[in-house]
Protein backbone atom coordinates (compact mmCIF):
# COMPACT_ATOMS: atom_id res chain seq x y z
CA MET A 1 14.38 8.76 16.38
CA VAL A 2 13.28 5.89 14.51
CA LYS A 3 10.92 6.98 11.40
CA VAL A 4 7.17 5.66 10.96
CA VAL A 5 5.91 6.41 7.83
CA LEU A 6 2.25 6.09 7.09
CA ARG A 7 0.83 4.95 3.54
CA GLY A 8 -2.39 5.62 1.73
CA PRO A 9 -5.83 5.45 4.25
CA LEU A 10 -3.78 5.35 7.54
CA VAL A 11 -2.79 9.06 6.89
CA SER A 12 -6.49 9.98 7.62
CA VAL A 13 -7.01 8.22 10.41
CA PHE A 14 -3.68 9.10 12.21
CA ASN A 15 -3.91 12.53 10.64
CA SER A 16 -0.12 12.48 9.76
CA ASN A 17 1.95 9.98 7.44
CA GLU A 18 4.99 10.63 9.75
CA PHE A 19 6.05 9.93 13.25
CA LEU A 20 9.14 10.09 14.99
CA VAL A 21 9.68 7.36 17.46
CA LYS A 22 12.73 7.14 20.22
CA GLY A 23 14.54 4.16 19.03
CA GLY A 24 15.77 1.47 21.13
CA SER A 25 12.26 -0.37 21.26
CA SER A 26 11.20 -3.44 19.26
CA LEU A 27 8.83 -3.19 16.68
CA ILE A 28 5.74 -3.82 18.35
CA SER A 29 6.38 -1.65 21.19
CA THR A 30 7.55 1.16 18.98
CA LEU A 31 4.13 1.39 17.05
CA SER A 32 1.93 0.40 20.21
CA LYS A 33 3.09 3.90 20.94
CA ILE A 34 1.49 5.13 17.67
CA ASP A 35 -1.44 3.26 17.62
CA LYS A 36 -3.24 4.20 21.01
CA ARG A 37 -6.47 3.18 18.93
CA GLU A 38 -5.10 -0.65 18.31
CA ILE A 39 -5.49 -0.16 14.49
CA ILE A 40 -2.18 -1.98 13.66
CA VAL A 41 -1.22 -3.73 16.47
CA SER A 42 -3.58 -5.37 18.94
CA ASP A 43 -2.71 -7.50 21.78
CA GLY A 44 1.09 -7.57 21.08
CA ARG A 45 0.48 -8.43 17.28
CA ILE A 46 0.72 -6.48 14.33
CA LYS A 47 -3.19 -7.30 12.71
CA PRO A 48 -3.21 -9.07 9.34
CA GLY A 49 -3.66 -6.65 5.84
CA TYR A 50 -0.23 -4.70 6.84
CA LEU A 51 2.98 -5.06 5.48
CA ILE A 52 5.60 -3.51 7.57
CA LEU A 53 8.65 -2.24 5.93
CA ILE A 54 12.23 -1.59 7.90
CA ASN A 55 14.42 0.13 5.49
CA GLY A 56 13.16 -1.60 2.77
CA THR A 57 13.02 -5.06 3.75
CA ASP A 58 9.59 -6.81 4.98
CA PHE A 59 10.03 -7.10 9.01
CA ARG A 60 9.35 -10.79 9.15
CA LEU A 61 12.44 -11.31 6.79
CA LEU A 62 15.08 -9.46 9.19
CA LYS A 63 16.55 -10.80 12.67
CA LYS A 64 16.28 -7.80 14.11
CA ASP A 65 14.62 -7.49 17.48
CA VAL A 66 15.46 -3.88 18.63
CA LEU A 67 14.98 -0.77 16.45
CA GLU A 68 17.81 1.86 15.83
CA ASP A 69 17.10 5.86 16.01
CA SER A 70 18.34 5.56 12.14
CA ASP A 71 16.06 3.41 11.12
CA THR A 72 12.52 3.59 9.06
CA VAL A 73 9.44 1.44 9.39
CA ASP A 74 6.98 2.02 6.70
CA ILE A 75 3.16 0.65 7.02
CA ILE A 76 1.87 -0.23 3.92
CA PRO A 77 -2.42 -1.38 4.83
CA ILE A 78 -2.88 -4.10 2.00
CA ASN A 79 -6.53 -3.22 0.77
CA HIS A 80 -7.91 -6.02 -1.64
CA GLY A 81 -11.45 -5.38 -3.01
CA GLY A 82 -14.26 -7.66 -4.57
């Protein structure tokens, strides 16, 4: 199972800090399975304001299309104040 770990205020929004999702799907598909309210993913894209790490590496730097059961996905909201 792919472990999806939520950080910061996402924990209270999703009422959990961790989800297990069956591997073999794309990152977008995997996140869509837990994000029914389209907080992180909308229209097949990850919304701005989130750092998404796959096994500790920014997903944009990877050439990985399919998540394996051993992968860990961390979702970190990037909050700005002013």
